[in-house]
């Protein structure tokens, strides 16, 4: 029995369908490859153009203002070159407007840091001045050997001191003969009021008061440093501790002018 095989219509039809599909895939790969080459060429052209413009601008500015020297500023020149390459790459990679906005934001942040660093001492002075207005007792050190305290809203001068390492706010009272601690501030410094003898009489602007004599190991107001200074603890409660003449006699001088109390002291030798 003779067995002749003839190709079936279905297999012939499938092969004819696969041929256009293979051709389409090949054409698509060629298109993507060409598109990639064109995109790479476009990026390279943009990159070279932008880098050339930026380099030319830097060279022109340096030639005009003589900012950099090739021998003395080689490191700075290399840094600027890397920066130019980075900017050029970012701008040439597409989405130019979005890239430009991002670079502008980072440039602004960098500029703020540079301005802050360049004017750091002036900014510290502004911060100290603001604190002296918000917290008058903190004072503003105008010179290495003077500090100014603005008058408070109640018409008094308040001075913040470090007493044995503890911050205490005093009311400046030139009518008081001594430094007088309120019972509350004395407790902050660790004094036991029950163990004290209130056998001293002191004169203040508010009249005669009784107190207990003590000695403070360390007393600091800004650059004014006093050690083993005599003071007293008041027997009755007080709204504020008083900074009397025991403190002011230690100064070179003090003056009240234009609602400001300025303390002067001798420079350290």
Protein backbone atom coordinates (compact mmCIF):
# COMPACT_ATOMS: atom_id res chain seq x y z
CA UNK A 1 0.00 0.00 0.00
CA UNK A 2 1.47 3.24 -1.10
CA UNK A 3 1.61 5.98 1.55
CA UNK A 4 2.07 9.45 0.02
CA UNK A 5 2.40 12.32 2.50
CA UNK A 6 1.32 15.71 1.39
CA UNK A 7 1.61 18.82 3.51
CA UNK A 8 -1.57 19.62 5.24
CA UNK A 9 -3.19 22.98 4.59
CA UNK A 10 -2.98 23.89 8.29
CA UNK A 11 0.85 23.52 8.58
CA UNK A 12 1.40 25.54 5.44
CA UNK A 13 -0.84 28.26 6.75
CA UNK A 14 1.04 28.43 10.13
CA UNK A 15 4.45 28.83 8.50
CA UNK A 16 3.14 31.60 6.28
CA UNK A 17 1.81 33.40 9.37
CA UNK A 18 5.11 33.10 11.29
CA UNK A 19 7.18 34.66 8.55
CA UNK A 20 5.57 38.15 8.78
CA UNK A 21 5.79 37.95 12.60
CA UNK A 22 9.53 37.25 12.42
CA UNK A 23 10.00 40.07 9.96
CA UNK A 24 8.05 42.45 12.25
CA UNK A 25 10.16 41.51 15.28
CA UNK A 26 13.34 42.04 13.32
CA UNK A 27 12.15 45.41 12.06
CA UNK A 28 11.20 46.45 15.61
CA UNK A 29 14.64 45.49 16.98
CA UNK A 30 16.32 47.45 14.21
CA UNK A 31 14.10 50.46 15.00
CA UNK A 32 14.89 50.32 18.72
CA UNK A 33 18.60 50.03 18.01
CA UNK A 34 18.51 53.01 15.65
CA UNK A 35 16.43 54.97 18.15
CA UNK A 36 18.97 54.20 20.91
CA UNK A 37 21.83 55.36 18.70
CA UNK A 38 20.01 58.58 17.86
CA UNK A 39 19.18 59.17 21.54
CA UNK A 40 22.81 58.57 22.54
CA UNK A 41 24.04 60.89 19.81
CA UNK A 42 21.54 63.55 20.88
CA UNK A 43 22.62 63.29 24.55
CA UNK A 44 26.31 63.49 23.62
CA UNK A 45 25.71 66.54 21.45
CA UNK A 46 23.72 68.30 24.17
CA UNK A 47 26.30 67.35 26.81
CA UNK A 48 29.22 68.70 24.77
CA UNK A 49 27.32 71.91 23.96
CA UNK A 50 26.27 72.63 27.55
CA UNK A 51 29.71 71.73 28.97
CA UNK A 52 31.39 73.99 26.41
CA UNK A 53 29.10 76.92 27.21
CA UNK A 54 29.57 76.55 30.98
CA UNK A 55 33.34 76.11 30.66
CA UNK A 56 33.55 79.15 28.43
CA UNK A 57 31.53 81.18 30.92
CA UNK A 58 33.79 80.16 33.81
CA UNK A 59 36.94 80.92 31.81
CA UNK A 60 35.55 84.34 30.80
CA UNK A 61 34.63 85.25 34.37
CA UNK A 62 37.99 84.11 35.69
CA UNK A 63 39.79 86.08 32.98
CA UNK A 64 37.75 89.17 33.84
CA UNK A 65 38.07 89.01 37.64
CA UNK A 66 41.28 86.95 38.07
CA UNK A 67 39.76 84.73 40.74
CA UNK A 68 41.68 81.48 40.19
CA UNK A 69 45.29 80.70 39.48
CA UNK A 70 46.28 77.46 37.75
CA UNK A 71 49.23 76.90 40.08
CA UNK A 72 47.68 77.96 43.38
CA UNK A 73 44.05 76.88 42.87
CA UNK A 74 44.37 73.59 40.97
CA UNK A 75 42.13 71.76 43.43
CA UNK A 76 39.40 74.38 43.10
CA UNK A 77 39.65 74.25 39.29
CA UNK A 78 39.26 70.45 39.31
CA UNK A 79 36.26 70.76 41.62
CA UNK A 80 34.61 73.28 39.30
CA UNK A 81 35.32 71.03 36.33
CA UNK A 82 33.59 68.08 37.99
CA UNK A 83 30.69 70.34 38.90
CA UNK A 84 30.36 71.50 35.28
CA UNK A 85 30.33 67.88 34.06
CA UNK A 86 27.63 67.02 36.58
CA UNK A 87 25.41 69.94 35.57
CA UNK A 88 25.95 69.28 31.89
CA UNK A 89 25.03 65.61 32.27
CA UNK A 90 21.90 66.44 34.24
CA UNK A 91 20.70 69.06 31.73
CA UNK A 92 21.46 66.90 28.69
CA UNK A 93 19.67 63.79 29.94
CA UNK A 94 16.19 65.05 29.01
CA UNK A 95 13.38 66.73 30.92
CA UNK A 96 15.50 69.85 30.87
CA UNK A 97 13.00 72.08 32.65
CA UNK A 98 12.47 69.64 35.53
CA UNK A 99 16.23 69.11 35.83
CA UNK A 100 16.78 72.85 35.83
CA UNK A 101 14.25 73.34 38.62
CA UNK A 102 15.90 70.65 40.74
CA UNK A 103 19.34 72.14 40.16
CA UNK A 104 17.99 75.59 41.03
CA UNK A 105 16.59 74.28 44.32
CA UNK A 106 19.87 72.60 45.28
CA UNK A 107 21.82 75.67 44.19
CA UNK A 108 19.62 77.84 46.42
CA UNK A 109 20.16 75.47 49.36
CA UNK A 110 23.91 75.51 48.76
CA UNK A 111 23.87 79.31 48.52
CA UNK A 112 22.04 79.57 51.84
CA UNK A 113 24.65 77.36 53.49
CA UNK A 114 27.45 79.46 52.01
CA UNK A 115 25.83 82.73 53.15
CA UNK A 116 25.18 81.29 56.61
CA UNK A 117 28.80 80.16 56.95
CA UNK A 118 30.19 83.45 55.62
CA UNK A 119 28.07 85.54 58.02
CA UNK A 120 28.10 83.11 60.96
CA UNK A 121 29.51 85.66 63.40
CA UNK A 122 27.00 88.32 62.39
CA UNK A 123 24.17 85.77 62.69
CA UNK A 124 25.37 84.81 66.19
CA UNK A 125 25.24 88.48 67.14
CA UNK A 126 21.70 88.77 65.73
CA UNK A 127 20.69 85.66 67.71
CA UNK A 128 22.16 87.13 70.91
CA UNK A 129 20.41 90.43 70.33
CA UNK A 130 17.05 88.71 69.77
CA UNK A 131 17.51 86.64 72.93
CA UNK A 132 18.35 89.76 74.92
CA UNK A 133 15.08 91.34 73.77
CA UNK A 134 12.99 88.22 74.36
CA UNK A 135 14.82 87.32 77.60
CA UNK A 136 16.27 90.60 78.99
CA UNK A 137 17.98 88.75 81.83
CA UNK A 138 20.28 86.98 79.35
CA UNK A 139 21.99 90.22 78.36
CA UNK A 140 23.97 91.11 75.23
CA UNK A 141 27.76 91.04 75.33
CA UNK A 142 28.79 94.04 73.23
CA UNK A 143 32.55 93.81 73.84
CA UNK A 144 34.79 91.19 75.45
CA UNK A 145 34.56 93.11 78.74
CA UNK A 146 31.03 94.50 78.82
CA UNK A 147 27.46 93.23 78.80
CA UNK A 148 24.19 95.13 78.44
CA UNK A 149 20.79 94.28 79.92
CA UNK A 150 17.68 96.02 78.51
CA UNK A 151 15.05 97.22 80.93
CA UNK A 152 12.15 94.82 81.47
CA UNK A 153 8.48 95.66 80.95
CA UNK A 154 8.06 96.37 84.68
CA UNK A 155 10.86 98.97 84.64
CA UNK A 156 13.45 96.79 86.42
CA UNK A 157 16.67 95.18 85.27
CA UNK A 158 16.99 91.42 85.59
CA UNK A 159 20.31 89.60 85.38
CA UNK A 160 20.74 85.89 84.81
CA UNK A 161 23.68 84.38 86.70
CA UNK A 162 25.19 80.94 87.13
CA UNK A 163 25.49 80.33 90.86
CA UNK A 164 27.44 77.17 91.66
CA UNK A 165 26.43 75.97 88.20
CA UNK A 166 22.70 76.66 88.76
CA UNK A 167 20.93 79.41 86.71
CA UNK A 168 19.36 82.07 88.95
CA UNK A 169 17.61 85.26 87.80
CA UNK A 170 18.37 88.29 89.99
CA UNK A 171 16.73 91.68 90.24
CA UNK A 172 19.46 94.34 90.00
CA UNK A 173 19.15 96.40 93.19
CA UNK A 174 21.86 98.97 93.88
CA UNK A 175 19.98 99.90 97.05
CA UNK A 176 20.73 96.46 98.52
CA UNK A 177 24.05 96.10 100.34
CA UNK A 178 24.48 92.41 99.52
CA UNK A 179 23.48 89.61 97.22
CA UNK A 180 20.23 88.29 98.68
CA UNK A 181 18.83 84.90 97.70
CA UNK A 182 15.15 84.16 97.99
CA UNK A 183 14.28 81.02 100.01
CA UNK A 184 13.12 79.32 96.79
CA UNK A 185 16.42 80.01 94.99
CA UNK A 186 18.37 78.95 98.07
CA UNK A 187 16.65 75.57 97.94
CA UNK A 188 17.67 75.25 94.26
CA UNK A 189 21.28 75.65 95.41
CA UNK A 190 20.86 72.90 97.99
CA UNK A 191 20.64 74.95 101.19
CA UNK A 192 18.58 73.52 104.06
CA UNK A 193 16.60 76.48 105.40
CA UNK A 194 15.87 74.68 108.65
CA UNK A 195 19.57 74.57 109.46
CA UNK A 196 20.20 78.30 108.90
CA UNK A 197 20.29 81.12 111.48
CA UNK A 198 18.57 84.29 110.27
CA UNK A 199 20.44 86.68 112.53
CA UNK A 200 21.62 89.32 110.02
CA UNK A 201 19.93 92.61 109.20
CA UNK A 202 20.13 93.92 105.63
CA UNK A 203 18.93 97.14 104.01
CA UNK A 204 17.14 96.96 100.64
CA UNK A 205 15.00 99.35 98.63
CA UNK A 206 11.99 97.58 100.15
CA UNK A 207 13.21 98.12 103.71
CA UNK A 208 15.00 96.12 106.36
CA UNK A 209 15.10 92.34 106.05
CA UNK A 210 16.56 89.49 108.06
CA UNK A 211 18.81 86.93 106.52
CA UNK A 212 21.39 84.23 107.02
CA UNK A 213 24.93 84.88 105.83
CA UNK A 214 26.42 82.36 103.40
CA UNK A 215 29.27 82.11 100.89
CA UNK A 216 28.87 81.25 97.23
CA UNK A 217 31.72 79.24 95.72
CA UNK A 218 31.16 80.31 92.11
CA UNK A 219 29.18 83.24 90.71
CA UNK A 220 29.18 84.05 86.98
CA UNK A 221 27.44 86.67 84.83
CA UNK A 222 28.60 86.36 81.21
CA UNK A 223 32.38 87.01 81.44
CA UNK A 224 32.23 88.16 85.07
CA UNK A 225 33.53 85.35 87.27
CA UNK A 226 33.54 85.71 91.05
CA UNK A 227 34.55 83.11 93.59
CA UNK A 228 33.94 82.80 97.32
CA UNK A 229 31.61 85.79 97.30
CA UNK A 230 29.52 86.65 100.37
CA UNK A 231 25.74 86.60 100.11
CA UNK A 232 22.70 86.00 102.29
CA UNK A 233 19.46 84.06 102.24
CA UNK A 234 16.35 86.04 103.04
CA UNK A 235 14.08 84.74 105.80
CA UNK A 236 10.82 85.87 104.19
CA UNK A 237 9.68 84.80 100.75
CA UNK A 238 10.66 87.00 97.79
CA UNK A 239 9.52 87.22 94.21
CA UNK A 240 13.16 87.49 93.03
CA UNK A 241 16.63 87.23 94.46
CA UNK A 242 18.45 90.57 94.68
CA UNK A 243 21.79 91.51 93.13
CA UNK A 244 23.18 94.16 95.47
CA UNK A 245 26.35 96.19 95.90
CA UNK A 246 28.46 93.20 96.93
CA UNK A 247 28.32 92.30 93.23
CA UNK A 248 28.49 95.79 91.72
CA UNK A 249 31.58 96.72 93.77
CA UNK A 250 33.45 93.91 91.97
CA UNK A 251 32.97 95.62 88.60
CA UNK A 252 35.16 98.16 86.85
CA UNK A 253 32.01 100.28 86.49
CA UNK A 254 28.34 100.13 85.59
CA UNK A 255 25.97 102.61 84.01
CA UNK A 256 22.32 103.02 83.10
CA UNK A 257 21.70 104.77 79.78
CA UNK A 258 18.71 104.77 77.43
CA UNK A 259 16.90 102.08 79.42
CA UNK A 260 19.94 99.80 79.36
CA UNK A 261 22.16 98.63 82.20
CA UNK A 262 25.76 98.02 81.09
CA UNK A 263 28.29 96.21 83.24
CA UNK A 264 32.03 96.61 82.67
CA UNK A 265 34.76 94.44 84.15
CA UNK A 266 38.54 94.27 84.04
CA UNK A 267 39.98 91.97 81.36
CA UNK A 268 41.65 88.79 82.52
CA UNK A 269 45.41 88.98 82.81
